[in-house]
PDB file of all heavy atoms in Angstrom:
ATOM      1  N   THR A   1      -7.275   0.303   0.481  1.00  0.00           N
ATOM      2  CA  THR A   1      -8.554   0.574   1.144  1.00  0.00           C
ATOM      3  C   THR A   1      -8.399   0.371   2.638  1.00  0.00           C
ATOM      4  O   THR A   1      -7.326   0.037   3.171  1.00  0.00           O
ATOM      5  CB  THR A   1      -9.613  -0.412   0.640  1.00  0.00           C
ATOM      6  OG1 THR A   1      -9.212  -1.737   0.983  1.00  0.00           O
ATOM      7  CG2 THR A   1      -9.716  -0.304  -0.864  1.00  0.00           C
ATOM      8  N   LYS A   2      -9.475   0.617   3.395  1.00  0.00           N
ATOM      9  CA  LYS A   2      -9.452   0.371   4.805  1.00  0.00           C
ATOM     10  C   LYS A   2      -9.335  -1.070   5.250  1.00  0.00           C
ATOM     11  O   LYS A   2      -9.069  -1.346   6.355  1.00  0.00           O
ATOM     12  CB  LYS A   2     -10.695   1.018   5.528  1.00  0.00           C
ATOM     13  CG  LYS A   2     -10.713   2.511   5.405  1.00  0.00           C
ATOM     14  CD  LYS A   2     -11.975   3.113   6.141  1.00  0.00           C
ATOM     15  CE  LYS A   2     -11.983   4.558   6.145  1.00  0.00           C
ATOM     16  NZ  LYS A   2     -13.158   5.142   6.792  1.00  0.00           N
ATOM     17  N   LYS A   3      -9.564  -1.936   4.264  1.00  0.00           N
ATOM     18  CA  LYS A   3      -9.414  -3.425   4.500  1.00  0.00           C
ATOM     19  C   LYS A   3      -8.334  -3.928   3.536  1.00  0.00           C
ATOM     20  O   LYS A   3      -8.661  -4.492   2.497  1.00  0.00           O
ATOM     21  CB  LYS A   3     -10.733  -4.072   4.259  1.00  0.00           C
ATOM     22  CG  LYS A   3     -11.798  -3.649   5.295  1.00  0.00           C
ATOM     23  CD  LYS A   3     -13.073  -4.470   5.142  1.00  0.00           C
ATOM     24  CE  LYS A   3     -14.105  -4.083   6.284  1.00  0.00           C
ATOM     25  NZ  LYS A   3     -15.348  -4.830   6.141  1.00  0.00           N
ATOM     26  N   PRO A   4      -7.073  -3.635   3.929  1.00  0.00           N
ATOM     27  CA  PRO A   4      -6.015  -4.054   3.006  1.00  0.00           C
ATOM     28  C   PRO A   4      -5.921  -5.505   2.692  1.00  0.00           C
ATOM     29  O   PRO A   4      -5.473  -5.947   1.626  1.00  0.00           O
ATOM     30  CB  PRO A   4      -4.725  -3.579   3.732  1.00  0.00           C
ATOM     31  CG  PRO A   4      -5.145  -3.488   5.178  1.00  0.00           C
ATOM     32  CD  PRO A   4      -6.593  -3.041   5.108  1.00  0.00           C
ATOM     33  N   TYR A   5      -6.410  -6.333   3.639  1.00  0.00           N
ATOM     34  CA  TYR A   5      -6.379  -7.824   3.415  1.00  0.00           C
ATOM     35  C   TYR A   5      -7.227  -8.218   2.235  1.00  0.00           C
ATOM     36  O   TYR A   5      -6.942  -9.193   1.463  1.00  0.00           O
ATOM     37  CB  TYR A   5      -6.710  -8.582   4.697  1.00  0.00           C
ATOM     38  CG  TYR A   5      -7.984  -8.116   5.341  1.00  0.00           C
ATOM     39  CD1 TYR A   5      -9.231  -8.576   5.085  1.00  0.00           C
ATOM     40  CD2 TYR A   5      -7.921  -7.028   6.285  1.00  0.00           C
ATOM     41  CE1 TYR A   5     -10.412  -8.182   5.718  1.00  0.00           C
ATOM     42  CE2 TYR A   5      -9.043  -6.544   6.921  1.00  0.00           C
ATOM     43  CZ  TYR A   5     -10.260  -7.070   6.638  1.00  0.00           C
ATOM     44  OH  TYR A   5     -11.426  -6.634   7.263  1.00  0.00           O
ATOM     45  N   LEU A   6      -8.325  -7.467   1.980  1.00  0.00           N
ATOM     46  CA  LEU A   6      -9.255  -7.739   0.851  1.00  0.00           C
ATOM     47  C   LEU A   6      -8.612  -7.184  -0.429  1.00  0.00           C
ATOM     48  O   LEU A   6      -8.724  -7.795  -1.507  1.00  0.00           O
ATOM     49  CB  LEU A   6     -10.605  -7.112   1.041  1.00  0.00           C
ATOM     50  CG  LEU A   6     -11.398  -7.618   2.261  1.00  0.00           C
ATOM     51  CD1 LEU A   6     -12.754  -6.936   2.255  1.00  0.00           C
ATOM     52  CD2 LEU A   6     -11.604  -9.131   2.116  1.00  0.00           C
ATOM     53  N   LYS A   7      -7.963  -6.042  -0.368  1.00  0.00           N
ATOM     54  CA  LYS A   7      -7.263  -5.508  -1.522  1.00  0.00           C
ATOM     55  C   LYS A   7      -6.126  -6.397  -1.985  1.00  0.00           C
ATOM     56  O   LYS A   7      -5.965  -6.588  -3.204  1.00  0.00           O
ATOM     57  CB  LYS A   7      -6.742  -4.095  -1.226  1.00  0.00           C
ATOM     58  CG  LYS A   7      -6.108  -3.324  -2.426  1.00  0.00           C
ATOM     59  CD  LYS A   7      -7.188  -2.995  -3.394  1.00  0.00           C
ATOM     60  CE  LYS A   7      -6.648  -2.186  -4.534  1.00  0.00           C
ATOM     61  NZ  LYS A   7      -7.704  -1.835  -5.523  1.00  0.00           N
ATOM     62  N   PHE A   8      -5.452  -7.003  -1.088  1.00  0.00           N
ATOM     63  CA  PHE A   8      -4.346  -7.882  -1.391  1.00  0.00           C
ATOM     64  C   PHE A   8      -4.860  -9.141  -2.147  1.00  0.00           C
ATOM     65  O   PHE A   8      -4.234  -9.678  -3.012  1.00  0.00           O
ATOM     66  CB  PHE A   8      -3.515  -8.335  -0.156  1.00  0.00           C
ATOM     67  CG  PHE A   8      -2.765  -7.241   0.460  1.00  0.00           C
ATOM     68  CD1 PHE A   8      -2.499  -7.168   1.778  1.00  0.00           C
ATOM     69  CD2 PHE A   8      -2.235  -6.165  -0.286  1.00  0.00           C
ATOM     70  CE1 PHE A   8      -1.803  -6.113   2.390  1.00  0.00           C
ATOM     71  CE2 PHE A   8      -1.507  -5.140   0.292  1.00  0.00           C
ATOM     72  CZ  PHE A   8      -1.280  -5.135   1.586  1.00  0.00           C
ATOM     73  N   ILE A   9      -6.066  -9.662  -1.738  1.00  0.00           N
ATOM     74  CA  ILE A   9      -6.676 -10.792  -2.447  1.00  0.00           C
ATOM     75  C   ILE A   9      -6.896 -10.380  -3.840  1.00  0.00           C
ATOM     76  O   ILE A   9      -6.722 -11.181  -4.789  1.00  0.00           O
ATOM     77  CB  ILE A   9      -7.934 -11.204  -1.680  1.00  0.00           C
ATOM     78  CG1 ILE A   9      -7.609 -11.800  -0.332  1.00  0.00           C
ATOM     79  CG2 ILE A   9      -8.732 -12.251  -2.543  1.00  0.00           C
ATOM     80  CD1 ILE A   9      -8.854 -12.154   0.465  1.00  0.00           C
ATOM     81  N   GLU A  10      -7.471  -9.230  -4.078  1.00  0.00           N
ATOM     82  CA  GLU A  10      -7.804  -8.716  -5.366  1.00  0.00           C
ATOM     83  C   GLU A  10      -6.528  -8.649  -6.215  1.00  0.00           C
ATOM     84  O   GLU A  10      -6.524  -9.084  -7.382  1.00  0.00           O
ATOM     85  CB  GLU A  10      -8.425  -7.312  -5.291  1.00  0.00           C
ATOM     86  CG  GLU A  10      -8.812  -6.680  -6.618  1.00  0.00           C
ATOM     87  CD  GLU A  10      -9.227  -5.263  -6.456  1.00  0.00           C
ATOM     88  OE1 GLU A  10      -9.967  -5.033  -5.421  1.00  0.00           O
ATOM     89  OE2 GLU A  10      -8.984  -4.384  -7.343  1.00  0.00           O
ATOM     90  N   LEU A  11      -5.461  -8.143  -5.717  1.00  0.00           N
ATOM     91  CA  LEU A  11      -4.192  -8.007  -6.449  1.00  0.00           C
ATOM     92  C   LEU A  11      -3.561  -9.385  -6.732  1.00  0.00           C
ATOM     93  O   LEU A  11      -2.977  -9.646  -7.740  1.00  0.00           O
ATOM     94  CB  LEU A  11      -3.178  -7.195  -5.695  1.00  0.00           C
ATOM     95  CG  LEU A  11      -3.515  -5.688  -5.502  1.00  0.00           C
ATOM     96  CD1 LEU A  11      -2.622  -4.981  -4.594  1.00  0.00           C
ATOM     97  CD2 LEU A  11      -3.477  -5.004  -6.905  1.00  0.00           C
ATOM     98  N   SER A  12      -3.757 -10.365  -5.770  1.00  0.00           N
ATOM     99  CA  SER A  12      -3.188 -11.696  -5.947  1.00  0.00           C
ATOM    100  C   SER A  12      -3.822 -12.348  -7.129  1.00  0.00           C
ATOM    101  O   SER A  12      -3.188 -13.274  -7.771  1.00  0.00           O
ATOM    102  CB  SER A  12      -3.356 -12.492  -4.715  1.00  0.00           C
ATOM    103  OG  SER A  12      -4.685 -12.865  -4.481  1.00  0.00           O
ATOM    104  N   LYS A  13      -5.054 -12.059  -7.511  1.00  0.00           N
ATOM    105  CA  LYS A  13      -5.701 -12.667  -8.664  1.00  0.00           C
ATOM    106  C   LYS A  13      -5.047 -12.246  -9.962  1.00  0.00           C
ATOM    107  O   LYS A  13      -5.073 -12.990 -10.947  1.00  0.00           O
ATOM    108  CB  LYS A  13      -7.176 -12.278  -8.739  1.00  0.00           C
ATOM    109  CG  LYS A  13      -7.931 -12.812  -7.549  1.00  0.00           C
ATOM    110  CD  LYS A  13      -9.457 -12.366  -7.586  1.00  0.00           C
ATOM    111  CE  LYS A  13     -10.208 -12.855  -6.410  1.00  0.00           C
ATOM    112  NZ  LYS A  13     -11.611 -12.337  -6.387  1.00  0.00           N
ATOM    113  N   LYS A  14      -4.298 -11.132  -9.923  1.00  0.00           N
ATOM    114  CA  LYS A  14      -3.640 -10.695 -11.137  1.00  0.00           C
ATOM    115  C   LYS A  14      -2.138 -11.031 -11.080  1.00  0.00           C
ATOM    116  O   LYS A  14      -1.568 -11.496 -12.119  1.00  0.00           O
ATOM    117  CB  LYS A  14      -3.716  -9.199 -11.279  1.00  0.00           C
ATOM    118  CG  LYS A  14      -3.019  -8.598 -12.488  1.00  0.00           C
ATOM    119  CD  LYS A  14      -3.234  -7.064 -12.637  1.00  0.00           C
ATOM    120  CE  LYS A  14      -2.529  -6.519 -13.867  1.00  0.00           C
ATOM    121  NZ  LYS A  14      -2.763  -5.084 -13.929  1.00  0.00           N
ATOM    122  N   TYR A  15      -1.475 -10.917  -9.891  1.00  0.00           N
ATOM    123  CA  TYR A  15      -0.095 -11.100  -9.778  1.00  0.00           C
ATOM    124  C   TYR A  15       0.357 -12.414  -9.202  1.00  0.00           C
ATOM    125  O   TYR A  15       1.571 -12.712  -9.122  1.00  0.00           O
ATOM    126  CB  TYR A  15       0.553 -10.023  -9.092  1.00  0.00           C
ATOM    127  CG  TYR A  15       0.335  -8.649  -9.724  1.00  0.00           C
ATOM    128  CD1 TYR A  15      -0.603  -7.708  -9.238  1.00  0.00           C
ATOM    129  CD2 TYR A  15       1.076  -8.240 -10.822  1.00  0.00           C
ATOM    130  CE1 TYR A  15      -0.876  -6.470  -9.835  1.00  0.00           C
ATOM    131  CE2 TYR A  15       0.851  -7.029 -11.455  1.00  0.00           C
ATOM    132  CZ  TYR A  15      -0.062  -6.178 -10.916  1.00  0.00           C
ATOM    133  OH  TYR A  15      -0.323  -4.933 -11.571  1.00  0.00           O
ATOM    134  N   GLY A  16      -0.528 -13.169  -8.595  1.00  0.00           N
ATOM    135  CA  GLY A  16      -0.161 -14.476  -8.035  1.00  0.00           C
ATOM    136  C   GLY A  16      -0.168 -14.376  -6.519  1.00  0.00           C
ATOM    137  O   GLY A  16      -0.351 -13.297  -5.889  1.00  0.00           O
ATOM    138  N   ASP A  17      -0.011 -15.569  -5.870  1.00  0.00           N
ATOM    139  CA  ASP A  17      -0.057 -15.607  -4.406  1.00  0.00           C
ATOM    140  C   ASP A  17       1.161 -15.025  -3.727  1.00  0.00           C
ATOM    141  O   ASP A  17       1.136 -14.799  -2.512  1.00  0.00           O
ATOM    142  CB  ASP A  17      -0.351 -17.001  -3.960  1.00  0.00           C
ATOM    143  CG  ASP A  17       0.812 -17.975  -4.323  1.00  0.00           C
ATOM    144  OD1 ASP A  17       1.505 -17.711  -5.278  1.00  0.00           O
ATOM    145  OD2 ASP A  17       0.923 -19.016  -3.698  1.00  0.00           O
ATOM    146  N   ILE A  18       2.235 -14.752  -4.488  1.00  0.00           N
ATOM    147  CA  ILE A  18       3.359 -14.014  -3.906  1.00  0.00           C
ATOM    148  C   ILE A  18       3.578 -12.887  -4.856  1.00  0.00           C
ATOM    149  O   ILE A  18       3.958 -13.035  -6.024  1.00  0.00           O
ATOM    150  CB  ILE A  18       4.634 -14.984  -3.925  1.00  0.00           C
ATOM    151  CG1 ILE A  18       4.379 -16.192  -3.083  1.00  0.00           C
ATOM    152  CG2 ILE A  18       5.826 -14.166  -3.348  1.00  0.00           C
ATOM    153  CD1 ILE A  18       5.597 -17.152  -3.164  1.00  0.00           C
ATOM    154  N   PHE A  19       3.389 -11.673  -4.330  1.00  0.00           N
ATOM    155  CA  PHE A  19       3.611 -10.459  -5.168  1.00  0.00           C
ATOM    156  C   PHE A  19       4.280  -9.421  -4.330  1.00  0.00           C
ATOM    157  O   PHE A  19       4.342  -9.427  -3.092  1.00  0.00           O
ATOM    158  CB  PHE A  19       2.312  -9.940  -5.773  1.00  0.00           C
ATOM    159  CG  PHE A  19       1.353  -9.397  -4.912  1.00  0.00           C
ATOM    160  CD1 PHE A  19       1.373  -8.105  -4.471  1.00  0.00           C
ATOM    161  CD2 PHE A  19       0.279 -10.213  -4.438  1.00  0.00           C
ATOM    162  CE1 PHE A  19       0.417  -7.569  -3.651  1.00  0.00           C
ATOM    163  CE2 PHE A  19      -0.723  -9.656  -3.659  1.00  0.00           C
ATOM    164  CZ  PHE A  19      -0.655  -8.355  -3.159  1.00  0.00           C
ATOM    165  N   SER A  20       4.875  -8.451  -5.026  1.00  0.00           N
ATOM    166  CA  SER A  20       5.575  -7.315  -4.378  1.00  0.00           C
ATOM    167  C   SER A  20       4.829  -6.060  -4.661  1.00  0.00           C
ATOM    168  O   SER A  20       4.076  -6.004  -5.668  1.00  0.00           O
ATOM    169  CB  SER A  20       7.021  -7.214  -4.857  1.00  0.00           C
ATOM    170  OG  SER A  20       7.077  -7.037  -6.232  1.00  0.00           O
ATOM    171  N   ILE A  21       4.900  -5.110  -3.768  1.00  0.00           N
ATOM    172  CA  ILE A  21       4.108  -3.872  -3.906  1.00  0.00           C
ATOM    173  C   ILE A  21       4.876  -2.705  -3.332  1.00  0.00           C
ATOM    174  O   ILE A  21       5.467  -2.853  -2.256  1.00  0.00           O
ATOM    175  CB  ILE A  21       2.698  -4.031  -3.313  1.00  0.00           C
ATOM    176  CG1 ILE A  21       1.866  -2.844  -3.527  1.00  0.00           C
ATOM    177  CG2 ILE A  21       2.869  -4.288  -1.798  1.00  0.00           C
ATOM    178  CD1 ILE A  21       0.398  -3.033  -3.098  1.00  0.00           C
ATOM    179  N   ASN A  22       4.908  -1.627  -4.089  1.00  0.00           N
ATOM    180  CA  ASN A  22       5.477  -0.365  -3.488  1.00  0.00           C
ATOM    181  C   ASN A  22       4.538   0.321  -2.610  1.00  0.00           C
ATOM    182  O   ASN A  22       3.471   0.770  -2.980  1.00  0.00           O
ATOM    183  CB  ASN A  22       5.866   0.550  -4.695  1.00  0.00           C
ATOM    184  CG  ASN A  22       7.226   0.192  -5.336  1.00  0.00           C
ATOM    185  OD1 ASN A  22       8.011  -0.575  -4.718  1.00  0.00           O
ATOM    186  ND2 ASN A  22       7.453   0.668  -6.476  1.00  0.00           N
ATOM    187  N   LEU A  23       4.920   0.455  -1.307  1.00  0.00           N
ATOM    188  CA  LEU A  23       4.123   1.270  -0.417  1.00  0.00           C
ATOM    189  C   LEU A  23       5.047   2.298   0.144  1.00  0.00           C
ATOM    190  O   LEU A  23       5.924   2.127   0.928  1.00  0.00           O
ATOM    191  CB  LEU A  23       3.644   0.349   0.791  1.00  0.00           C
ATOM    192  CG  LEU A  23       2.724  -0.832   0.321  1.00  0.00           C
ATOM    193  CD1 LEU A  23       2.394  -1.725   1.527  1.00  0.00           C
ATOM    194  CD2 LEU A  23       1.443  -0.277  -0.302  1.00  0.00           C
ATOM    195  N   GLY A  24       4.790   3.560  -0.396  1.00  0.00           N
ATOM    196  CA  GLY A  24       5.734   4.635  -0.081  1.00  0.00           C
ATOM    197  C   GLY A  24       7.079   4.313  -0.881  1.00  0.00           C
ATOM    198  O   GLY A  24       6.913   3.960  -2.033  1.00  0.00           O
ATOM    199  N   TYR A  25       8.094   4.483  -0.273  1.00  0.00           N
ATOM    200  CA  TYR A  25       9.388   4.284  -0.968  1.00  0.00           C
ATOM    201  C   TYR A  25       9.965   2.894  -0.702  1.00  0.00           C
ATOM    202  O   TYR A  25      11.088   2.578  -1.044  1.00  0.00           O
ATOM    203  CB  TYR A  25      10.462   5.297  -0.486  1.00  0.00           C
ATOM    204  CG  TYR A  25      10.653   5.352   0.963  1.00  0.00           C
ATOM    205  CD1 TYR A  25      11.620   4.569   1.557  1.00  0.00           C
ATOM    206  CD2 TYR A  25       9.820   6.191   1.846  1.00  0.00           C
ATOM    207  CE1 TYR A  25      11.829   4.592   2.934  1.00  0.00           C
ATOM    208  CE2 TYR A  25      10.144   6.209   3.189  1.00  0.00           C
ATOM    209  CZ  TYR A  25      11.084   5.409   3.721  1.00  0.00           C
ATOM    210  OH  TYR A  25      11.274   5.429   5.080  1.00  0.00           O
ATOM    211  N   ARG A  26       9.201   1.995  -0.070  1.00  0.00           N
ATOM    212  CA  ARG A  26       9.693   0.633   0.217  1.00  0.00           C
ATOM    213  C   ARG A  26       8.927  -0.343  -0.626  1.00  0.00           C
ATOM    214  O   ARG A  26       7.717  -0.177  -0.906  1.00  0.00           O
ATOM    215  CB  ARG A  26       9.497   0.302   1.673  1.00  0.00           C
ATOM    216  CG  ARG A  26      10.447   1.095   2.526  1.00  0.00           C
ATOM    217  CD  ARG A  26      10.388   0.612   4.021  1.00  0.00           C
ATOM    218  NE  ARG A  26      11.370   1.232   4.874  1.00  0.00           N
ATOM    219  CZ  ARG A  26      11.125   2.220   5.680  1.00  0.00           C
ATOM    220  NH1 ARG A  26       9.912   2.758   5.683  1.00  0.00           N
ATOM    221  NH2 ARG A  26      12.032   2.745   6.452  1.00  0.00           N
ATOM    222  N   ARG A  27       9.561  -1.426  -0.966  1.00  0.00           N
ATOM    223  CA  ARG A  27       8.976  -2.538  -1.687  1.00  0.00           C
ATOM    224  C   ARG A  27       8.661  -3.710  -0.578  1.00  0.00           C
ATOM    225  O   ARG A  27       9.507  -4.008   0.188  1.00  0.00           O
ATOM    226  CB  ARG A  27       9.964  -3.097  -2.700  1.00  0.00           C
ATOM    227  CG  ARG A  27       9.282  -3.990  -3.728  1.00  0.00           C
ATOM    228  CD  ARG A  27       8.669  -3.144  -4.827  1.00  0.00           C
ATOM    229  NE  ARG A  27       8.169  -4.051  -5.891  1.00  0.00           N
ATOM    230  CZ  ARG A  27       7.160  -3.614  -6.730  1.00  0.00           C
ATOM    231  NH1 ARG A  27       6.656  -2.458  -6.557  1.00  0.00           N
ATOM    232  NH2 ARG A  27       6.759  -4.439  -7.679  1.00  0.00           N
ATOM    233  N   TRP A  28       7.400  -4.173  -0.636  1.00  0.00           N
ATOM    234  CA  TRP A  28       6.929  -5.180   0.287  1.00  0.00           C
ATOM    235  C   TRP A  28       6.633  -6.436  -0.446  1.00  0.00           C
ATOM    236  O   TRP A  28       6.239  -6.355  -1.558  1.00  0.00           O
ATOM    237  CB  TRP A  28       5.753  -4.623   1.047  1.00  0.00           C
ATOM    238  CG  TRP A  28       5.977  -3.383   1.810  1.00  0.00           C
ATOM    239  CD1 TRP A  28       6.392  -2.197   1.365  1.00  0.00           C
ATOM    240  CD2 TRP A  28       5.762  -3.239   3.221  1.00  0.00           C
ATOM    241  NE1 TRP A  28       6.457  -1.276   2.388  1.00  0.00           N
ATOM    242  CE2 TRP A  28       6.082  -1.932   3.497  1.00  0.00           C
ATOM    243  CE3 TRP A  28       5.309  -4.095   4.229  1.00  0.00           C
ATOM    244  CZ2 TRP A  28       6.002  -1.373   4.850  1.00  0.00           C
ATOM    245  CZ3 TRP A  28       5.256  -3.576   5.560  1.00  0.00           C
ATOM    246  CH2 TRP A  28       5.664  -2.282   5.812  1.00  0.00           C
TER     247      TRP A  28
END
């Protein structure tokens, strides 16, 4: 979304406070 910091909070509820994510062809 336009507010990625809020999206990351949403994802952290499922994957934990340290998670990885594919953005394009890179893993972050």
